[in-house]
């Protein structure tokens, strides 16, 4: 029996989660369809743009992502408490960048005078919006639905584009977070879609190595093509690497970008059988600090999903036995 998503996501346990969505029947609906020869690669760019747009609107940061030909990966950090700092007007502005909203909200946005009863209704609606803007389910709904509608319109068909809403995995430790991010960033290399991380299109690792200068411009084109409302919220970059733990308040990733890139390169070399001899005998500094063995790291970072599912299945079996 599957569990409801609200029981799988608890920010008190961890704000970091690995999110995946797969195309129906795992077809190559975002790449080159080997059966028909049709090329749907342009959809990967649309999804990448949409990820950045939604991250800027929601109180959700993107630590890593990879948009593949038949699925997508996200490593997100949830910050639902962040919406509490937004004014009513800012909440409405963010939400109506995606949805038109009821008549009362439209009047409120235009500064139309409202009586007490109407203001009370507006406050209740804004409270609902505030909760949704920190919710991963609403984030994924706003990500997956537009690409499904666009694809069905292009293909002149109806039906599901994604095989499910999404799957989530809690990342409870620094090791889990690091191995998952690395697993996601190296997806195109494992799939033989790119020879190196810096050539992996539509991934966070490529964006971190060579940031796109046209991101804001491409998102503006996206908004125009989707006929969305004017977007006035500043574009949010990927969740930054902040280095070691300090006494100051830190919201980013508690390792350095240089260490992470070294780690990805170290792990990427192990994926190719003909390059095993080239793996350095010493561990990258970040693994030494976390006390992670080289063999353990390579297993976790190159087979993250498979290992997670096995551990989760064993845990459920233990729960059933003790019930």
C-alpha atoms as a PDB file:
ATOM      1  CA  UNK A   1       0.000   0.000   0.000  1.00  0.00           C
ATOM      2  CA  UNK A   2       1.450   3.341  -1.032  1.00  0.00           C
ATOM      3  CA  UNK A   3       1.686   6.162   1.484  1.00  0.00           C
ATOM      4  CA  UNK A   4       0.200   9.643   0.985  1.00  0.00           C
ATOM      5  CA  UNK A   5       2.800  12.280   0.091  1.00  0.00           C
ATOM      6  CA  UNK A   6       2.053  14.369   3.169  1.00  0.00           C
ATOM      7  CA  UNK A   7       3.327  11.471   5.312  1.00  0.00           C
ATOM      8  CA  UNK A   8       6.489  11.143   3.203  1.00  0.00           C
ATOM      9  CA  UNK A   9       7.459  14.817   3.411  1.00  0.00           C
ATOM     10  CA  UNK A  10       8.257  16.381   6.771  1.00  0.00           C
ATOM     11  CA  UNK A  11      10.396  19.510   6.830  1.00  0.00           C
ATOM     12  CA  UNK A  12      11.096  18.971  10.542  1.00  0.00           C
ATOM     13  CA  UNK A  13      12.995  15.791   9.602  1.00  0.00           C
ATOM     14  CA  UNK A  14      14.784  17.245   6.582  1.00  0.00           C
ATOM     15  CA  UNK A  15      14.179  20.068   4.101  1.00  0.00           C
ATOM     16  CA  UNK A  16      15.952  18.133   1.300  1.00  0.00           C
ATOM     17  CA  UNK A  17      14.114  15.765  -1.044  1.00  0.00           C
ATOM     18  CA  UNK A  18      14.824  13.892  -4.255  1.00  0.00           C
ATOM     19  CA  UNK A  19      11.883  14.229  -6.658  1.00  0.00           C
ATOM     20  CA  UNK A  20      11.399  12.214  -9.848  1.00  0.00           C
ATOM     21  CA  UNK A  21       8.781  12.170 -12.604  1.00  0.00           C
ATOM     22  CA  UNK A  22       8.784   9.675 -15.470  1.00  0.00           C
ATOM     23  CA  UNK A  23       6.998   9.756 -18.809  1.00  0.00           C
ATOM     24  CA  UNK A  24       4.160   7.294 -19.290  1.00  0.00           C
ATOM     25  CA  UNK A  25       5.508   3.831 -20.210  1.00  0.00           C
ATOM     26  CA  UNK A  26       8.934   5.476 -19.893  1.00  0.00           C
ATOM     27  CA  UNK A  27       8.654   6.579 -23.522  1.00  0.00           C
ATOM     28  CA  UNK A  28      11.139   9.103 -24.905  1.00  0.00           C
ATOM     29  CA  UNK A  29       8.590  11.910 -24.916  1.00  0.00           C
ATOM     30  CA  UNK A  30      11.250  14.525 -24.087  1.00  0.00           C
ATOM     31  CA  UNK A  31      13.936  13.226 -26.424  1.00  0.00           C
ATOM     32  CA  UNK A  32      14.321  11.288 -29.668  1.00  0.00           C
ATOM     33  CA  UNK A  33      11.751   8.496 -29.902  1.00  0.00           C
ATOM     34  CA  UNK A  34      13.692   5.474 -31.164  1.00  0.00           C
ATOM     35  CA  UNK A  35      10.506   3.807 -32.398  1.00  0.00           C
ATOM     36  CA  UNK A  36       9.187   6.648 -34.556  1.00  0.00           C
ATOM     37  CA  UNK A  37      12.267   8.838 -34.994  1.00  0.00           C
ATOM     38  CA  UNK A  38      10.327  11.893 -33.747  1.00  0.00           C
ATOM     39  CA  UNK A  39      12.447  14.475 -31.918  1.00  0.00           C
ATOM     40  CA  UNK A  40      10.916  15.987 -28.770  1.00  0.00           C
ATOM     41  CA  UNK A  41      14.175  17.360 -27.349  1.00  0.00           C
ATOM     42  CA  UNK A  42      12.833  20.933 -27.237  1.00  0.00           C
ATOM     43  CA  UNK A  43      10.611  19.868 -24.334  1.00  0.00           C
ATOM     44  CA  UNK A  44      13.680  19.421 -22.143  1.00  0.00           C
ATOM     45  CA  UNK A  45      14.475  23.131 -22.479  1.00  0.00           C
ATOM     46  CA  UNK A  46      10.883  24.038 -21.626  1.00  0.00           C
ATOM     47  CA  UNK A  47      11.049  21.931 -18.458  1.00  0.00           C
ATOM     48  CA  UNK A  48      14.413  23.434 -17.468  1.00  0.00           C
ATOM     49  CA  UNK A  49      13.043  26.957 -17.902  1.00  0.00           C
ATOM     50  CA  UNK A  50       9.920  26.039 -15.971  1.00  0.00           C
ATOM     51  CA  UNK A  51      11.968  24.659 -13.064  1.00  0.00           C
ATOM     52  CA  UNK A  52      13.775  27.994 -12.680  1.00  0.00           C
ATOM     53  CA  UNK A  53      10.567  29.970 -13.018  1.00  0.00           C
ATOM     54  CA  UNK A  54       8.718  27.981 -10.358  1.00  0.00           C
ATOM     55  CA  UNK A  55      11.678  27.993  -7.973  1.00  0.00           C
ATOM     56  CA  UNK A  56      11.640  31.797  -8.155  1.00  0.00           C
ATOM     57  CA  UNK A  57       7.923  31.908  -7.351  1.00  0.00           C
ATOM     58  CA  UNK A  58       7.766  29.199  -4.680  1.00  0.00           C
ATOM     59  CA  UNK A  59       9.641  28.983  -1.373  1.00  0.00           C
ATOM     60  CA  UNK A  60      11.527  26.029  -2.839  1.00  0.00           C
ATOM     61  CA  UNK A  61      15.197  26.001  -3.856  1.00  0.00           C
ATOM     62  CA  UNK A  62      16.788  23.751  -6.457  1.00  0.00           C
ATOM     63  CA  UNK A  63      20.024  22.048  -5.395  1.00  0.00           C
ATOM     64  CA  UNK A  64      20.320  19.807  -8.459  1.00  0.00           C
ATOM     65  CA  UNK A  65      18.318  18.815 -11.512  1.00  0.00           C
ATOM     66  CA  UNK A  66      18.585  16.726 -14.659  1.00  0.00           C
ATOM     67  CA  UNK A  67      16.003  16.746 -17.444  1.00  0.00           C
ATOM     68  CA  UNK A  68      16.363  13.488 -19.358  1.00  0.00           C
ATOM     69  CA  UNK A  69      14.602  12.083 -22.440  1.00  0.00           C
ATOM     70  CA  UNK A  70      11.985  10.143 -20.499  1.00  0.00           C
ATOM     71  CA  UNK A  71      12.170  11.413 -16.919  1.00  0.00           C
ATOM     72  CA  UNK A  72      13.389  14.254 -14.733  1.00  0.00           C
ATOM     73  CA  UNK A  73      15.216  14.493 -11.421  1.00  0.00           C
ATOM     74  CA  UNK A  74      15.118  17.300  -8.870  1.00  0.00           C
ATOM     75  CA  UNK A  75      16.908  17.729  -5.555  1.00  0.00           C
ATOM     76  CA  UNK A  76      14.984  20.418  -3.715  1.00  0.00           C
ATOM     77  CA  UNK A  77      15.190  22.264  -0.435  1.00  0.00           C
ATOM     78  CA  UNK A  78      11.818  23.172   1.057  1.00  0.00           C
ATOM     79  CA  UNK A  79      11.559  26.413   3.022  1.00  0.00           C
ATOM     80  CA  UNK A  80       7.822  26.763   3.799  1.00  0.00           C
ATOM     81  CA  UNK A  81       8.599  29.168   6.644  1.00  0.00           C
ATOM     82  CA  UNK A  82       9.978  31.597   4.076  1.00  0.00           C
ATOM     83  CA  UNK A  83       6.493  32.477   2.830  1.00  0.00           C
ATOM     84  CA  UNK A  84       5.709  34.018   6.230  1.00  0.00           C
ATOM     85  CA  UNK A  85       8.001  36.928   5.381  1.00  0.00           C
ATOM     86  CA  UNK A  86       6.055  37.773   2.226  1.00  0.00           C
ATOM     87  CA  UNK A  87       3.403  40.479   2.333  1.00  0.00           C
ATOM     88  CA  UNK A  88      -0.163  39.756   1.217  1.00  0.00           C
ATOM     89  CA  UNK A  89       0.509  41.682  -1.981  1.00  0.00           C
ATOM     90  CA  UNK A  90       3.662  39.678  -2.705  1.00  0.00           C
ATOM     91  CA  UNK A  91       1.862  36.371  -2.152  1.00  0.00           C
ATOM     92  CA  UNK A  92      -0.880  37.437  -4.571  1.00  0.00           C
ATOM     93  CA  UNK A  93       1.678  38.674  -7.109  1.00  0.00           C
ATOM     94  CA  UNK A  94       3.543  35.371  -7.041  1.00  0.00           C
ATOM     95  CA  UNK A  95       0.408  33.239  -7.306  1.00  0.00           C
ATOM     96  CA  UNK A  96      -1.199  35.285 -10.061  1.00  0.00           C
ATOM     97  CA  UNK A  97       1.991  34.940 -12.094  1.00  0.00           C
ATOM     98  CA  UNK A  98       0.742  31.381 -12.631  1.00  0.00           C
ATOM     99  CA  UNK A  99      -3.034  31.552 -12.164  1.00  0.00           C
ATOM    100  CA  UNK A 100      -5.611  34.219 -12.886  1.00  0.00           C
ATOM    101  CA  UNK A 101      -7.287  33.972  -9.478  1.00  0.00           C
ATOM    102  CA  UNK A 102     -10.932  34.714  -8.558  1.00  0.00           C
ATOM    103  CA  UNK A 103     -12.552  38.092  -9.160  1.00  0.00           C
ATOM    104  CA  UNK A 104     -11.990  39.291  -5.587  1.00  0.00           C
ATOM    105  CA  UNK A 105      -8.247  38.640  -5.879  1.00  0.00           C
ATOM    106  CA  UNK A 106      -8.137  40.497  -9.189  1.00  0.00           C
ATOM    107  CA  UNK A 107      -9.900  43.469  -7.600  1.00  0.00           C
ATOM    108  CA  UNK A 108      -7.555  43.352  -4.592  1.00  0.00           C
ATOM    109  CA  UNK A 109      -4.537  43.407  -6.942  1.00  0.00           C
ATOM    110  CA  UNK A 110      -5.901  46.482  -8.707  1.00  0.00           C
ATOM    111  CA  UNK A 111      -6.509  48.308  -5.430  1.00  0.00           C
ATOM    112  CA  UNK A 112     -10.305  48.282  -5.726  1.00  0.00           C
ATOM    113  CA  UNK A 113     -12.099  49.154  -2.475  1.00  0.00           C
ATOM    114  CA  UNK A 114     -13.475  46.063  -0.684  1.00  0.00           C
ATOM    115  CA  UNK A 115     -15.880  45.871   2.237  1.00  0.00           C
ATOM    116  CA  UNK A 116     -15.073  43.956   5.449  1.00  0.00           C
ATOM    117  CA  UNK A 117     -16.657  40.697   4.314  1.00  0.00           C
ATOM    118  CA  UNK A 118     -14.812  40.776   1.014  1.00  0.00           C
ATOM    119  CA  UNK A 119     -11.507  41.554   2.742  1.00  0.00           C
ATOM    120  CA  UNK A 120     -12.048  38.616   5.074  1.00  0.00           C
ATOM    121  CA  UNK A 121     -12.565  36.351   2.071  1.00  0.00           C
ATOM    122  CA  UNK A 122      -9.459  37.759   0.400  1.00  0.00           C
ATOM    123  CA  UNK A 123      -7.402  37.093   3.554  1.00  0.00           C
ATOM    124  CA  UNK A 124      -8.584  33.473   3.602  1.00  0.00           C
ATOM    125  CA  UNK A 125      -7.687  33.011  -0.056  1.00  0.00           C
ATOM    126  CA  UNK A 126      -4.245  34.556   0.487  1.00  0.00           C
ATOM    127  CA  UNK A 127      -3.680  32.208   3.440  1.00  0.00           C
ATOM    128  CA  UNK A 128      -4.367  29.278   1.107  1.00  0.00           C
ATOM    129  CA  UNK A 129      -1.990  30.695  -1.511  1.00  0.00           C
ATOM    130  CA  UNK A 130       0.691  31.169   1.148  1.00  0.00           C
ATOM    131  CA  UNK A 131       0.499  27.497   2.107  1.00  0.00           C
ATOM    132  CA  UNK A 132       0.583  26.344  -1.506  1.00  0.00           C
ATOM    133  CA  UNK A 133       3.679  28.409  -2.305  1.00  0.00           C
ATOM    134  CA  UNK A 134       5.672  26.303   0.157  1.00  0.00           C
ATOM    135  CA  UNK A 135       4.190  22.971  -0.953  1.00  0.00           C
ATOM    136  CA  UNK A 136       6.137  20.568  -3.190  1.00  0.00           C
ATOM    137  CA  UNK A 137       2.915  18.991  -4.493  1.00  0.00           C
ATOM    138  CA  UNK A 138       1.739  22.324  -5.896  1.00  0.00           C
ATOM    139  CA  UNK A 139       5.236  22.965  -7.265  1.00  0.00           C
ATOM    140  CA  UNK A 140       5.162  19.658  -9.169  1.00  0.00           C
ATOM    141  CA  UNK A 141       1.598  20.253 -10.336  1.00  0.00           C
ATOM    142  CA  UNK A 142       2.669  23.600 -11.818  1.00  0.00           C
ATOM    143  CA  UNK A 143       5.696  21.944 -13.404  1.00  0.00           C
ATOM    144  CA  UNK A 144       4.165  18.796 -14.879  1.00  0.00           C
ATOM    145  CA  UNK A 145       0.735  19.926 -16.048  1.00  0.00           C
ATOM    146  CA  UNK A 146       1.896  22.591 -18.581  1.00  0.00           C
ATOM    147  CA  UNK A 147       4.359  20.236 -20.296  1.00  0.00           C
ATOM    148  CA  UNK A 148       1.661  17.543 -20.492  1.00  0.00           C
ATOM    149  CA  UNK A 149      -0.839  19.959 -22.055  1.00  0.00           C
ATOM    150  CA  UNK A 150       1.762  21.310 -24.469  1.00  0.00           C
ATOM    151  CA  UNK A 151       2.881  17.827 -25.522  1.00  0.00           C
ATOM    152  CA  UNK A 152      -0.668  16.556 -26.037  1.00  0.00           C
ATOM    153  CA  UNK A 153      -1.462  19.621 -28.150  1.00  0.00           C
ATOM    154  CA  UNK A 154       1.671  19.071 -30.262  1.00  0.00           C
ATOM    155  CA  UNK A 155       0.893  15.387 -30.723  1.00  0.00           C
ATOM    156  CA  UNK A 156      -2.830  15.908 -31.295  1.00  0.00           C
ATOM    157  CA  UNK A 157      -3.733  13.384 -28.635  1.00  0.00           C
ATOM    158  CA  UNK A 158      -5.201  13.015 -25.158  1.00  0.00           C
ATOM    159  CA  UNK A 159      -4.235  11.084 -22.066  1.00  0.00           C
ATOM    160  CA  UNK A 160      -1.429  10.954 -19.527  1.00  0.00           C
ATOM    161  CA  UNK A 161       2.041  12.294 -20.282  1.00  0.00           C
ATOM    162  CA  UNK A 162       3.555  11.409 -16.871  1.00  0.00           C
ATOM    163  CA  UNK A 163       3.070   7.935 -15.429  1.00  0.00           C
ATOM    164  CA  UNK A 164       2.379   9.396 -11.961  1.00  0.00           C
ATOM    165  CA  UNK A 165       2.342  12.745 -10.166  1.00  0.00           C
ATOM    166  CA  UNK A 166       5.862  12.371  -8.760  1.00  0.00           C
ATOM    167  CA  UNK A 167       7.959  10.258  -6.406  1.00  0.00           C
ATOM    168  CA  UNK A 168       9.824  11.716  -3.419  1.00  0.00           C
ATOM    169  CA  UNK A 169      12.751  10.496  -1.337  1.00  0.00           C
ATOM    170  CA  UNK A 170      13.797  12.166   1.910  1.00  0.00           C
ATOM    171  CA  UNK A 171      17.520  12.974   2.129  1.00  0.00           C
ATOM    172  CA  UNK A 172      18.175  12.721   5.853  1.00  0.00           C
ATOM    173  CA  UNK A 173      21.975  13.019   6.000  1.00  0.00           C
ATOM    174  CA  UNK A 174      24.764  14.990   4.328  1.00  0.00           C
ATOM    175  CA  UNK A 175      25.953  11.771   2.706  1.00  0.00           C
ATOM    176  CA  UNK A 176      22.471  11.113   1.265  1.00  0.00           C
ATOM    177  CA  UNK A 177      22.241  14.684  -0.029  1.00  0.00           C
ATOM    178  CA  UNK A 178      25.687  14.593  -1.639  1.00  0.00           C
ATOM    179  CA  UNK A 179      25.287  11.156  -3.201  1.00  0.00           C
ATOM    180  CA  UNK A 180      21.838  12.051  -4.551  1.00  0.00           C
ATOM    181  CA  UNK A 181      23.027  15.348  -6.060  1.00  0.00           C
ATOM    182  CA  UNK A 182      25.958  13.564  -7.680  1.00  0.00           C
ATOM    183  CA  UNK A 183      23.690  10.782  -8.946  1.00  0.00           C
ATOM    184  CA  UNK A 184      21.376  13.370 -10.506  1.00  0.00           C
ATOM    185  CA  UNK A 185      24.156  15.442 -12.073  1.00  0.00           C
ATOM    186  CA  UNK A 186      25.770  12.347 -13.614  1.00  0.00           C
ATOM    187  CA  UNK A 187      22.527  10.982 -15.105  1.00  0.00           C
ATOM    188  CA  UNK A 188      23.372  12.014 -18.707  1.00  0.00           C
ATOM    189  CA  UNK A 189      26.797  10.380 -18.456  1.00  0.00           C
ATOM    190  CA  UNK A 190      25.343   7.088 -17.192  1.00  0.00           C
ATOM    191  CA  UNK A 191      22.830   7.241 -20.063  1.00  0.00           C
ATOM    192  CA  UNK A 192      25.649   7.886 -22.568  1.00  0.00           C
ATOM    193  CA  UNK A 193      24.055  11.211 -23.522  1.00  0.00           C
ATOM    194  CA  UNK A 194      27.173  13.222 -22.693  1.00  0.00           C
ATOM    195  CA  UNK A 195      30.883  12.418 -22.237  1.00  0.00           C
ATOM    196  CA  UNK A 196      31.541  14.928 -19.433  1.00  0.00           C
ATOM    197  CA  UNK A 197      29.531  16.879 -16.820  1.00  0.00           C
ATOM    198  CA  UNK A 198      30.248  20.214 -18.529  1.00  0.00           C
ATOM    199  CA  UNK A 199      28.646  18.850 -21.724  1.00  0.00           C
ATOM    200  CA  UNK A 200      25.546  17.488 -19.985  1.00  0.00           C
ATOM    201  CA  UNK A 201      22.704  19.579 -21.348  1.00  0.00           C
ATOM    202  CA  UNK A 202      19.772  20.557 -19.126  1.00  0.00           C
ATOM    203  CA  UNK A 203      21.509  19.697 -15.850  1.00  0.00           C
ATOM    204  CA  UNK A 204      22.440  21.706 -12.783  1.00  0.00           C
ATOM    205  CA  UNK A 205      26.102  20.675 -13.036  1.00  0.00           C
ATOM    206  CA  UNK A 206      26.421  22.289 -16.476  1.00  0.00           C
ATOM    207  CA  UNK A 207      24.663  25.408 -15.193  1.00  0.00           C
ATOM    208  CA  UNK A 208      27.030  25.661 -12.218  1.00  0.00           C
ATOM    209  CA  UNK A 209      30.104  25.205 -14.423  1.00  0.00           C
ATOM    210  CA  UNK A 210      28.974  27.619 -17.145  1.00  0.00           C
ATOM    211  CA  UNK A 211      25.955  29.704 -16.026  1.00  0.00           C
ATOM    212  CA  UNK A 212      23.565  30.729 -18.785  1.00  0.00           C
ATOM    213  CA  UNK A 213      23.542  34.468 -19.409  1.00  0.00           C
ATOM    214  CA  UNK A 214      20.241  34.205 -21.267  1.00  0.00           C
ATOM    215  CA  UNK A 215      18.210  32.609 -18.472  1.00  0.00           C
ATOM    216  CA  UNK A 216      16.065  35.667 -17.722  1.00  0.00           C
ATOM    217  CA  UNK A 217      15.559  36.247 -21.437  1.00  0.00           C
ATOM    218  CA  UNK A 218      14.492  32.652 -22.091  1.00  0.00           C
ATOM    219  CA  UNK A 219      12.076  32.678 -19.147  1.00  0.00           C
ATOM    220  CA  UNK A 220      10.500  35.887 -20.482  1.00  0.00           C
ATOM    221  CA  UNK A 221       9.952  34.077 -23.779  1.00  0.00           C
ATOM    222  CA  UNK A 222       8.438  31.176 -21.860  1.00  0.00           C
ATOM    223  CA  UNK A 223       6.004  33.480 -20.070  1.00  0.00           C
ATOM    224  CA  UNK A 224       4.957  35.071 -23.341  1.00  0.00           C
ATOM    225  CA  UNK A 225       4.495  31.719 -25.091  1.00  0.00           C
ATOM    226  CA  UNK A 226       2.378  30.377 -22.224  1.00  0.00           C
ATOM    227  CA  UNK A 227       0.368  33.609 -21.959  1.00  0.00           C
ATOM    228  CA  UNK A 228       1.123  33.879 -18.239  1.00  0.00           C
ATOM    229  CA  UNK A 229       0.681  37.052 -16.226  1.00  0.00           C
ATOM    230  CA  UNK A 230       3.571  39.501 -15.881  1.00  0.00           C
ATOM    231  CA  UNK A 231       6.318  38.042 -13.711  1.00  0.00           C
ATOM    232  CA  UNK A 232       7.750  40.640 -11.314  1.00  0.00           C
ATOM    233  CA  UNK A 233       9.528  38.317  -8.867  1.00  0.00           C
ATOM    234  CA  UNK A 234      13.366  38.289  -9.077  1.00  0.00           C
ATOM    235  CA  UNK A 235      14.755  35.151 -10.703  1.00  0.00           C
ATOM    236  CA  UNK A 236      16.303  32.817  -8.154  1.00  0.00           C
ATOM    237  CA  UNK A 237      19.622  31.052  -8.882  1.00  0.00           C
ATOM    238  CA  UNK A 238      20.378  27.468  -7.898  1.00  0.00           C
ATOM    239  CA  UNK A 239      20.862  26.823  -4.182  1.00  0.00           C
ATOM    240  CA  UNK A 240      24.403  28.113  -3.522  1.00  0.00           C
ATOM    241  CA  UNK A 241      27.338  26.278  -1.988  1.00  0.00           C
ATOM    242  CA  UNK A 242      28.356  28.106   1.180  1.00  0.00           C
ATOM    243  CA  UNK A 243      31.421  26.146   2.216  1.00  0.00           C
ATOM    244  CA  UNK A 244      31.992  24.978   5.787  1.00  0.00           C
ATOM    245  CA  UNK A 245      29.617  25.567   8.697  1.00  0.00           C
ATOM    246  CA  UNK A 246      29.959  29.021  10.272  1.00  0.00           C
ATOM    247  CA  UNK A 247      28.376  30.882  13.165  1.00  0.00           C
ATOM    248  CA  UNK A 248      26.251  32.883  10.723  1.00  0.00           C
ATOM    249  CA  UNK A 249      22.833  31.790   9.511  1.00  0.00           C
ATOM    250  CA  UNK A 250      23.312  29.592   6.445  1.00  0.00           C
ATOM    251  CA  UNK A 251      20.598  28.660   3.969  1.00  0.00           C
ATOM    252  CA  UNK A 252      22.708  27.032   1.257  1.00  0.00           C
ATOM    253  CA  UNK A 253      24.691  23.810   0.868  1.00  0.00           C
ATOM    254  CA  UNK A 254      27.326  23.331   3.559  1.00  0.00           C
ATOM    255  CA  UNK A 255      30.184  22.369   1.255  1.00  0.00           C
ATOM    256  CA  UNK A 256      32.221  24.296  -1.292  1.00  0.00           C
ATOM    257  CA  UNK A 257      31.534  24.280  -5.031  1.00  0.00           C
ATOM    258  CA  UNK A 258      35.159  23.340  -5.777  1.00  0.00           C
ATOM    259  CA  UNK A 259      34.890  20.289  -3.517  1.00  0.00           C
ATOM    260  CA  UNK A 260      31.606  19.279  -5.116  1.00  0.00           C
ATOM    261  CA  UNK A 261      32.934  19.579  -8.671  1.00  0.00           C
ATOM    262  CA  UNK A 262      35.961  17.494  -7.677  1.00  0.00           C
ATOM    263  CA  UNK A 263      33.628  14.915  -6.188  1.00  0.00           C
ATOM    264  CA  UNK A 264      31.470  14.746  -9.327  1.00  0.00           C
ATOM    265  CA  UNK A 265      34.552  14.371 -11.518  1.00  0.00           C
ATOM    266  CA  UNK A 266      35.931  11.657  -9.214  1.00  0.00           C
ATOM    267  CA  UNK A 267      32.635   9.753  -9.343  1.00  0.00           C
ATOM    268  CA  UNK A 268      32.119  10.286 -13.073  1.00  0.00           C
ATOM    269  CA  UNK A 269      35.396   8.583 -13.879  1.00  0.00           C
ATOM    270  CA  UNK A 270      34.211   5.439 -12.096  1.00  0.00           C
ATOM    271  CA  UNK A 271      31.157   5.145 -14.339  1.00  0.00           C
ATOM    272  CA  UNK A 272      33.207   4.247 -17.439  1.00  0.00           C
ATOM    273  CA  UNK A 273      34.768   0.769 -17.185  1.00  0.00           C
ATOM    274  CA  UNK A 274      37.711   1.809 -19.339  1.00  0.00           C
ATOM    275  CA  UNK A 275      38.602   4.600 -16.906  1.00  0.00           C
ATOM    276  CA  UNK A 276      38.690   2.668 -13.639  1.00  0.00           C
ATOM    277  CA  UNK A 277      42.460   2.700 -13.598  1.00  0.00           C
ATOM    278  CA  UNK A 278      42.407   6.492 -13.739  1.00  0.00           C
ATOM    279  CA  UNK A 279      40.585   6.881 -10.418  1.00  0.00           C
ATOM    280  CA  UNK A 280      42.769   8.621  -7.894  1.00  0.00           C
ATOM    281  CA  UNK A 281      43.675   6.507  -4.876  1.00  0.00           C
ATOM    282  CA  UNK A 282      42.991   9.377  -2.466  1.00  0.00           C
ATOM    283  CA  UNK A 283      39.529  10.579  -1.611  1.00  0.00           C
ATOM    284  CA  UNK A 284      38.317  14.109  -2.369  1.00  0.00           C
ATOM    285  CA  UNK A 285      38.582  16.239   0.833  1.00  0.00           C
ATOM    286  CA  UNK A 286      34.809  16.379   1.243  1.00  0.00           C
ATOM    287  CA  UNK A 287      34.588  12.580   1.618  1.00  0.00           C
ATOM    288  CA  UNK A 288      37.449  12.521   4.093  1.00  0.00           C
ATOM    289  CA  UNK A 289      35.698  15.119   6.255  1.00  0.00           C
ATOM    290  CA  UNK A 290      32.456  13.114   6.230  1.00  0.00           C
ATOM    291  CA  UNK A 291      34.280   9.859   6.883  1.00  0.00           C
ATOM    292  CA  UNK A 292      32.911   8.114   3.792  1.00  0.00           C
ATOM    293  CA  UNK A 293      34.896   5.257   2.228  1.00  0.00           C
ATOM    294  CA  UNK A 294      35.638   5.385  -1.496  1.00  0.00           C
ATOM    295  CA  UNK A 295      33.894   2.064  -2.262  1.00  0.00           C
ATOM    296  CA  UNK A 296      30.794   2.988  -0.283  1.00  0.00           C
ATOM    297  CA  UNK A 297      30.592   6.384  -1.958  1.00  0.00           C
ATOM    298  CA  UNK A 298      30.866   5.004  -5.488  1.00  0.00           C
ATOM    299  CA  UNK A 299      28.119   2.461  -4.844  1.00  0.00           C
ATOM    300  CA  UNK A 300      25.774   5.063  -3.346  1.00  0.00           C
ATOM    301  CA  UNK A 301      26.415   7.787  -5.914  1.00  0.00           C
ATOM    302  CA  UNK A 302      26.091   5.589  -9.011  1.00  0.00           C
ATOM    303  CA  UNK A 303      23.056   3.520  -7.961  1.00  0.00           C
ATOM    304  CA  UNK A 304      21.197   5.866  -5.611  1.00  0.00           C
ATOM    305  CA  UNK A 305      17.614   5.018  -6.626  1.00  0.00           C
ATOM    306  CA  UNK A 306      18.155   1.261  -6.678  1.00  0.00           C
ATOM    307  CA  UNK A 307      19.784   1.291  -3.243  1.00  0.00           C
ATOM    308  CA  UNK A 308      17.100   3.563  -1.809  1.00  0.00           C
ATOM    309  CA  UNK A 309      14.273   1.287  -2.952  1.00  0.00           C
ATOM    310  CA  UNK A 310      15.958  -1.795  -1.487  1.00  0.00           C
ATOM    311  CA  UNK A 311      16.520  -0.102   1.878  1.00  0.00           C
ATOM    312  CA  UNK A 312      12.947   1.232   1.893  1.00  0.00           C
ATOM    313  CA  UNK A 313      11.532  -2.234   1.120  1.00  0.00           C
ATOM    314  CA  UNK A 314      13.561  -3.816   3.944  1.00  0.00           C
ATOM    315  CA  UNK A 315      12.422  -1.100   6.348  1.00  0.00           C
ATOM    316  CA  UNK A 316       8.756  -1.715   5.441  1.00  0.00           C
ATOM    317  CA  UNK A 317       9.242  -5.468   6.005  1.00  0.00           C
ATOM    318  CA  UNK A 318      10.651  -4.796   9.491  1.00  0.00           C
ATOM    319  CA  UNK A 319       7.704  -2.522  10.261  1.00  0.00           C
ATOM    320  CA  UNK A 320       5.227  -5.229   9.183  1.00  0.00           C
ATOM    321  CA  UNK A 321       6.942  -7.860  11.353  1.00  0.00           C
ATOM    322  CA  UNK A 322       6.811  -5.661  14.449  1.00  0.00           C
ATOM    323  CA  UNK A 323       3.194  -4.550  13.822  1.00  0.00           C
END
